[in-house]
PDB file of all heavy atoms in Angstrom:
ATOM      1  N   ILE A   1      -1.613 -36.891  -7.993  1.00  0.00           N
ATOM      2  CA  ILE A   1      -2.256 -36.859  -6.678  1.00  0.00           C
ATOM      3  C   ILE A   1      -1.492 -36.015  -5.666  1.00  0.00           C
ATOM      4  O   ILE A   1      -2.093 -35.293  -4.859  1.00  0.00           O
ATOM      5  CB  ILE A   1      -2.487 -38.293  -6.142  1.00  0.00           C
ATOM      6  CG1 ILE A   1      -3.346 -38.227  -4.873  1.00  0.00           C
ATOM      7  CG2 ILE A   1      -1.169 -39.021  -5.896  1.00  0.00           C
ATOM      8  CD1 ILE A   1      -3.872 -39.555  -4.437  1.00  0.00           C
ATOM      9  N   ALA A   2      -0.162 -36.048  -5.702  1.00  0.00           N
ATOM     10  CA  ALA A   2       0.605 -35.262  -4.729  1.00  0.00           C
ATOM     11  C   ALA A   2       0.310 -33.777  -4.890  1.00  0.00           C
ATOM     12  O   ALA A   2       0.066 -33.062  -3.909  1.00  0.00           O
ATOM     13  CB  ALA A   2       2.102 -35.534  -4.886  1.00  0.00           C
ATOM     14  N   ALA A   3       0.308 -33.296  -6.135  1.00  0.00           N
ATOM     15  CA  ALA A   3       0.013 -31.883  -6.379  1.00  0.00           C
ATOM     16  C   ALA A   3      -1.430 -31.560  -6.022  1.00  0.00           C
ATOM     17  O   ALA A   3      -1.724 -30.496  -5.467  1.00  0.00           O
ATOM     18  CB  ALA A   3       0.287 -31.539  -7.840  1.00  0.00           C
ATOM     19  N   ALA A   4      -2.361 -32.491  -6.327  1.00  0.00           N
ATOM     20  CA  ALA A   4      -3.772 -32.258  -6.019  1.00  0.00           C
ATOM     21  C   ALA A   4      -3.991 -32.119  -4.518  1.00  0.00           C
ATOM     22  O   ALA A   4      -4.748 -31.254  -4.058  1.00  0.00           O
ATOM     23  CB  ALA A   4      -4.624 -33.397  -6.577  1.00  0.00           C
ATOM     24  N   ILE A   5      -3.309 -32.958  -3.739  1.00  0.00           N
ATOM     25  CA  ILE A   5      -3.455 -32.902  -2.288  1.00  0.00           C
ATOM     26  C   ILE A   5      -2.849 -31.607  -1.742  1.00  0.00           C
ATOM     27  O   ILE A   5      -3.455 -30.924  -0.906  1.00  0.00           O
ATOM     28  CB  ILE A   5      -2.802 -34.132  -1.641  1.00  0.00           C
ATOM     29  CG1 ILE A   5      -3.622 -35.387  -1.961  1.00  0.00           C
ATOM     30  CG2 ILE A   5      -2.672 -33.954  -0.130  1.00  0.00           C
ATOM     31  CD1 ILE A   5      -2.962 -36.684  -1.538  1.00  0.00           C
ATOM     32  N   GLN A   6      -1.655 -31.270  -2.214  1.00  0.00           N
ATOM     33  CA  GLN A   6      -1.005 -30.044  -1.745  1.00  0.00           C
ATOM     34  C   GLN A   6      -1.850 -28.817  -2.053  1.00  0.00           C
ATOM     35  O   GLN A   6      -2.085 -27.958  -1.188  1.00  0.00           O
ATOM     36  CB  GLN A   6       0.377 -29.914  -2.377  1.00  0.00           C
ATOM     37  CG  GLN A   6       1.158 -28.694  -1.898  1.00  0.00           C
ATOM     38  CD  GLN A   6       2.530 -28.604  -2.551  1.00  0.00           C
ATOM     39  OE1 GLN A   6       2.781 -29.192  -3.596  1.00  0.00           O
ATOM     40  NE2 GLN A   6       3.430 -27.869  -1.935  1.00  0.00           N
ATOM     41  N   GLN A   7      -2.319 -28.719  -3.296  1.00  0.00           N
ATOM     42  CA  GLN A   7      -3.145 -27.583  -3.676  1.00  0.00           C
ATOM     43  C   GLN A   7      -4.478 -27.603  -2.941  1.00  0.00           C
ATOM     44  O   GLN A   7      -5.007 -26.552  -2.551  1.00  0.00           O
ATOM     45  CB  GLN A   7      -3.364 -27.593  -5.186  1.00  0.00           C
ATOM     46  CG  GLN A   7      -2.083 -27.361  -5.982  1.00  0.00           C
ATOM     47  CD  GLN A   7      -2.234 -27.707  -7.453  1.00  0.00           C
ATOM     48  OE1 GLN A   7      -3.323 -28.067  -7.913  1.00  0.00           O
ATOM     49  NE2 GLN A   7      -1.140 -27.613  -8.202  1.00  0.00           N
ATOM     50  N   GLY A   8      -5.027 -28.813  -2.735  1.00  0.00           N
ATOM     51  CA  GLY A   8      -6.298 -28.928  -2.045  1.00  0.00           C
ATOM     52  C   GLY A   8      -6.217 -28.460  -0.605  1.00  0.00           C
ATOM     53  O   GLY A   8      -7.096 -27.722  -0.128  1.00  0.00           O
ATOM     54  N   PHE A   9      -5.171 -28.865   0.095  1.00  0.00           N
ATOM     55  CA  PHE A   9      -5.007 -28.402   1.473  1.00  0.00           C
ATOM     56  C   PHE A   9      -4.842 -26.884   1.511  1.00  0.00           C
ATOM     57  O   PHE A   9      -5.375 -26.208   2.401  1.00  0.00           O
ATOM     58  CB  PHE A   9      -3.823 -29.089   2.144  1.00  0.00           C
ATOM     59  CG  PHE A   9      -4.184 -30.383   2.827  1.00  0.00           C
ATOM     60  CD1 PHE A   9      -3.537 -31.569   2.500  1.00  0.00           C
ATOM     61  CD2 PHE A   9      -5.163 -30.421   3.804  1.00  0.00           C
ATOM     62  CE1 PHE A   9      -3.871 -32.757   3.125  1.00  0.00           C
ATOM     63  CE2 PHE A   9      -5.507 -31.606   4.445  1.00  0.00           C
ATOM     64  CZ  PHE A   9      -4.864 -32.782   4.096  1.00  0.00           C
ATOM     65  N   GLY A  10      -4.108 -26.343   0.531  1.00  0.00           N
ATOM     66  CA  GLY A  10      -3.957 -24.892   0.481  1.00  0.00           C
ATOM     67  C   GLY A  10      -5.295 -24.190   0.310  1.00  0.00           C
ATOM     68  O   GLY A  10      -5.570 -23.174   0.962  1.00  0.00           O
ATOM     69  N   ALA A  11      -6.157 -24.749  -0.555  1.00  0.00           N
ATOM     70  CA  ALA A  11      -7.473 -24.149  -0.783  1.00  0.00           C
ATOM     71  C   ALA A  11      -8.348 -24.246   0.457  1.00  0.00           C
ATOM     72  O   ALA A  11      -9.060 -23.293   0.804  1.00  0.00           O
ATOM     73  CB  ALA A  11      -8.157 -24.838  -1.965  1.00  0.00           C
ATOM     74  N   VAL A  12      -8.299 -25.391   1.152  1.00  0.00           N
ATOM     75  CA  VAL A  12      -9.135 -25.564   2.341  1.00  0.00           C
ATOM     76  C   VAL A  12      -8.663 -24.639   3.465  1.00  0.00           C
ATOM     77  O   VAL A  12      -9.474 -23.977   4.126  1.00  0.00           O
ATOM     78  CB  VAL A  12      -9.132 -27.038   2.806  1.00  0.00           C
ATOM     79  CG1 VAL A  12      -9.904 -27.193   4.118  1.00  0.00           C
ATOM     80  CG2 VAL A  12      -9.750 -27.934   1.739  1.00  0.00           C
ATOM     81  N   VAL A  13      -7.358 -24.574   3.680  1.00  0.00           N
ATOM     82  CA  VAL A  13      -6.824 -23.667   4.705  1.00  0.00           C
ATOM     83  C   VAL A  13      -7.199 -22.226   4.389  1.00  0.00           C
ATOM     84  O   VAL A  13      -7.590 -21.446   5.275  1.00  0.00           O
ATOM     85  CB  VAL A  13      -5.296 -23.822   4.815  1.00  0.00           C
ATOM     86  CG1 VAL A  13      -4.692 -22.712   5.667  1.00  0.00           C
ATOM     87  CG2 VAL A  13      -4.942 -25.181   5.414  1.00  0.00           C
ATOM     88  N   GLY A  14      -7.109 -21.848   3.111  1.00  0.00           N
ATOM     89  CA  GLY A  14      -7.465 -20.494   2.725  1.00  0.00           C
ATOM     90  C   GLY A  14      -8.927 -20.182   2.980  1.00  0.00           C
ATOM     91  O   GLY A  14      -9.272 -19.077   3.445  1.00  0.00           O
ATOM     92  N   ALA A  15      -9.811 -21.146   2.694  1.00  0.00           N
ATOM     93  CA  ALA A  15     -11.241 -20.930   2.916  1.00  0.00           C
ATOM     94  C   ALA A  15     -11.548 -20.797   4.404  1.00  0.00           C
ATOM     95  O   ALA A  15     -12.365 -19.961   4.808  1.00  0.00           O
ATOM     96  CB  ALA A  15     -12.038 -22.078   2.307  1.00  0.00           C
ATOM     97  N   ILE A  16     -10.884 -21.617   5.227  1.00  0.00           N
ATOM     98  CA  ILE A  16     -11.099 -21.531   6.679  1.00  0.00           C
ATOM     99  C   ILE A  16     -10.655 -20.164   7.194  1.00  0.00           C
ATOM    100  O   ILE A  16     -11.342 -19.520   7.994  1.00  0.00           O
ATOM    101  CB  ILE A  16     -10.343 -22.667   7.396  1.00  0.00           C
ATOM    102  CG1 ILE A  16     -10.953 -24.018   7.032  1.00  0.00           C
ATOM    103  CG2 ILE A  16     -10.377 -22.470   8.913  1.00  0.00           C
ATOM    104  CD1 ILE A  16     -10.158 -25.214   7.546  1.00  0.00           C
ATOM    105  N   GLY A  17      -9.500 -19.711   6.730  1.00  0.00           N
ATOM    106  CA  GLY A  17      -9.012 -18.401   7.145  1.00  0.00           C
ATOM    107  C   GLY A  17      -9.929 -17.285   6.698  1.00  0.00           C
ATOM    108  O   GLY A  17     -10.187 -16.331   7.453  1.00  0.00           O
ATOM    109  N   ALA A  18     -10.444 -17.375   5.466  1.00  0.00           N
ATOM    110  CA  ALA A  18     -11.343 -16.343   4.957  1.00  0.00           C
ATOM    111  C   ALA A  18     -12.640 -16.276   5.755  1.00  0.00           C
ATOM    112  O   ALA A  18     -13.275 -15.221   5.837  1.00  0.00           O
ATOM    113  CB  ALA A  18     -11.649 -16.595   3.477  1.00  0.00           C
ATOM    114  N   ALA A  19     -13.032 -17.405   6.347  1.00  0.00           N
ATOM    115  CA  ALA A  19     -14.249 -17.444   7.151  1.00  0.00           C
ATOM    116  C   ALA A  19     -14.004 -16.962   8.577  1.00  0.00           C
ATOM    117  O   ALA A  19     -14.951 -16.878   9.369  1.00  0.00           O
ATOM    118  CB  ALA A  19     -14.809 -18.864   7.175  1.00  0.00           C
ATOM    119  N   GLY A  20     -12.744 -16.656   8.911  1.00  0.00           N
ATOM    120  CA  GLY A  20     -12.420 -16.257  10.276  1.00  0.00           C
ATOM    121  C   GLY A  20     -12.514 -17.403  11.260  1.00  0.00           C
ATOM    122  O   GLY A  20     -12.660 -17.193  12.466  1.00  0.00           O
ATOM    123  N   SER A  21     -12.413 -18.625  10.739  1.00  0.00           N
ATOM    124  CA  SER A  21     -12.498 -19.806  11.591  1.00  0.00           C
ATOM    125  C   SER A  21     -11.106 -20.382  11.812  1.00  0.00           C
ATOM    126  O   SER A  21     -10.093 -19.746  11.486  1.00  0.00           O
ATOM    127  CB  SER A  21     -13.426 -20.847  10.948  1.00  0.00           C
ATOM    128  OG  SER A  21     -13.669 -21.933  11.830  1.00  0.00           O
ATOM    129  N   HIS A  22     -11.039 -21.608  12.326  1.00  0.00           N
ATOM    130  CA  HIS A  22      -9.749 -22.225  12.631  1.00  0.00           C
ATOM    131  C   HIS A  22      -9.915 -23.739  12.629  1.00  0.00           C
ATOM    132  O   HIS A  22     -11.015 -24.259  12.834  1.00  0.00           O
ATOM    133  CB  HIS A  22      -9.250 -21.757  14.004  1.00  0.00           C
ATOM    134  CG  HIS A  22     -10.224 -22.055  15.110  1.00  0.00           C
ATOM    135  ND1 HIS A  22     -10.283 -23.265  15.756  1.00  0.00           N
ATOM    136  CD2 HIS A  22     -11.201 -21.282  15.675  1.00  0.00           C
ATOM    137  CE1 HIS A  22     -11.238 -23.243  16.667  1.00  0.00           C
ATOM    138  NE2 HIS A  22     -11.817 -22.049  16.646  1.00  0.00           N
ATOM    139  N   PRO A  23      -8.827 -24.486  12.381  1.00  0.00           N
ATOM    140  CA  PRO A  23      -8.913 -25.948  12.447  1.00  0.00           C
ATOM    141  C   PRO A  23      -9.286 -26.418  13.850  1.00  0.00           C
ATOM    142  O   PRO A  23      -8.878 -25.827  14.842  1.00  0.00           O
ATOM    143  CB  PRO A  23      -7.504 -26.410  12.060  1.00  0.00           C
ATOM    144  CG  PRO A  23      -6.934 -25.261  11.285  1.00  0.00           C
ATOM    145  CD  PRO A  23      -7.506 -24.026  11.922  1.00  0.00           C
ATOM    146  N   ALA A  24     -10.066 -27.503  13.907  1.00  0.00           N
ATOM    147  CA  ALA A  24     -10.502 -28.043  15.192  1.00  0.00           C
ATOM    148  C   ALA A  24     -10.043 -29.486  15.379  1.00  0.00           C
ATOM    149  O   ALA A  24     -10.601 -30.219  16.206  1.00  0.00           O
ATOM    150  CB  ALA A  24     -12.026 -27.964  15.309  1.00  0.00           C
ATOM    151  N   GLY A  25      -9.022 -29.892  14.635  1.00  0.00           N
ATOM    152  CA  GLY A  25      -8.505 -31.247  14.748  1.00  0.00           C
ATOM    153  C   GLY A  25      -7.514 -31.513  13.652  1.00  0.00           C
ATOM    154  O   GLY A  25      -7.295 -30.667  12.765  1.00  0.00           O
ATOM    155  N   PRO A  26      -6.875 -32.677  13.669  1.00  0.00           N
ATOM    156  CA  PRO A  26      -5.865 -32.980  12.658  1.00  0.00           C
ATOM    157  C   PRO A  26      -6.477 -33.147  11.269  1.00  0.00           C
ATOM    158  O   PRO A  26      -7.595 -33.667  11.128  1.00  0.00           O
ATOM    159  CB  PRO A  26      -5.242 -34.293  13.153  1.00  0.00           C
ATOM    160  CG  PRO A  26      -6.288 -34.909  14.017  1.00  0.00           C
ATOM    161  CD  PRO A  26      -7.025 -33.769  14.654  1.00  0.00           C
ATOM    162  N   PRO A  27      -5.771 -32.722  10.232  1.00  0.00           N
ATOM    163  CA  PRO A  27      -6.286 -32.874   8.865  1.00  0.00           C
ATOM    164  C   PRO A  27      -6.279 -34.339   8.453  1.00  0.00           C
ATOM    165  O   PRO A  27      -5.532 -35.158   8.993  1.00  0.00           O
ATOM    166  CB  PRO A  27      -5.297 -32.057   8.040  1.00  0.00           C
ATOM    167  CG  PRO A  27      -4.029 -32.108   8.813  1.00  0.00           C
ATOM    168  CD  PRO A  27      -4.430 -32.116  10.257  1.00  0.00           C
ATOM    169  N   PHE A  28      -7.116 -34.655   7.471  1.00  0.00           N
ATOM    170  CA  PHE A  28      -7.114 -36.031   6.971  1.00  0.00           C
ATOM    171  C   PHE A  28      -7.601 -36.075   5.532  1.00  0.00           C
ATOM    172  O   PHE A  28      -8.170 -35.102   5.004  1.00  0.00           O
ATOM    173  CB  PHE A  28      -7.940 -36.959   7.863  1.00  0.00           C
ATOM    174  CG  PHE A  28      -9.404 -36.617   8.004  1.00  0.00           C
ATOM    175  CD1 PHE A  28     -10.363 -37.215   7.200  1.00  0.00           C
ATOM    176  CD2 PHE A  28      -9.837 -35.718   8.978  1.00  0.00           C
ATOM    177  CE1 PHE A  28     -11.709 -36.935   7.344  1.00  0.00           C
ATOM    178  CE2 PHE A  28     -11.185 -35.431   9.141  1.00  0.00           C
ATOM    179  CZ  PHE A  28     -12.129 -36.036   8.319  1.00  0.00           C
ATOM    180  N   LEU A  29      -7.355 -37.200   4.902  1.00  0.00           N
ATOM    181  CA  LEU A  29      -7.808 -37.472   3.543  1.00  0.00           C
ATOM    182  C   LEU A  29      -8.788 -38.632   3.564  1.00  0.00           C
ATOM    183  O   LEU A  29      -8.658 -39.555   4.377  1.00  0.00           O
ATOM    184  CB  LEU A  29      -6.639 -37.848   2.630  1.00  0.00           C
ATOM    185  CG  LEU A  29      -5.530 -36.832   2.415  1.00  0.00           C
ATOM    186  CD1 LEU A  29      -4.442 -37.447   1.539  1.00  0.00           C
ATOM    187  CD2 LEU A  29      -6.060 -35.560   1.781  1.00  0.00           C
TER     188      LEU A  29
END
């Protein structure tokens, strides 16, 4: 689970950046 969460956050951050968007609040699980 630790690796899945770390990799998952990396994928989500990457997708947001690729869309030219930005986070709008704190991350959560």
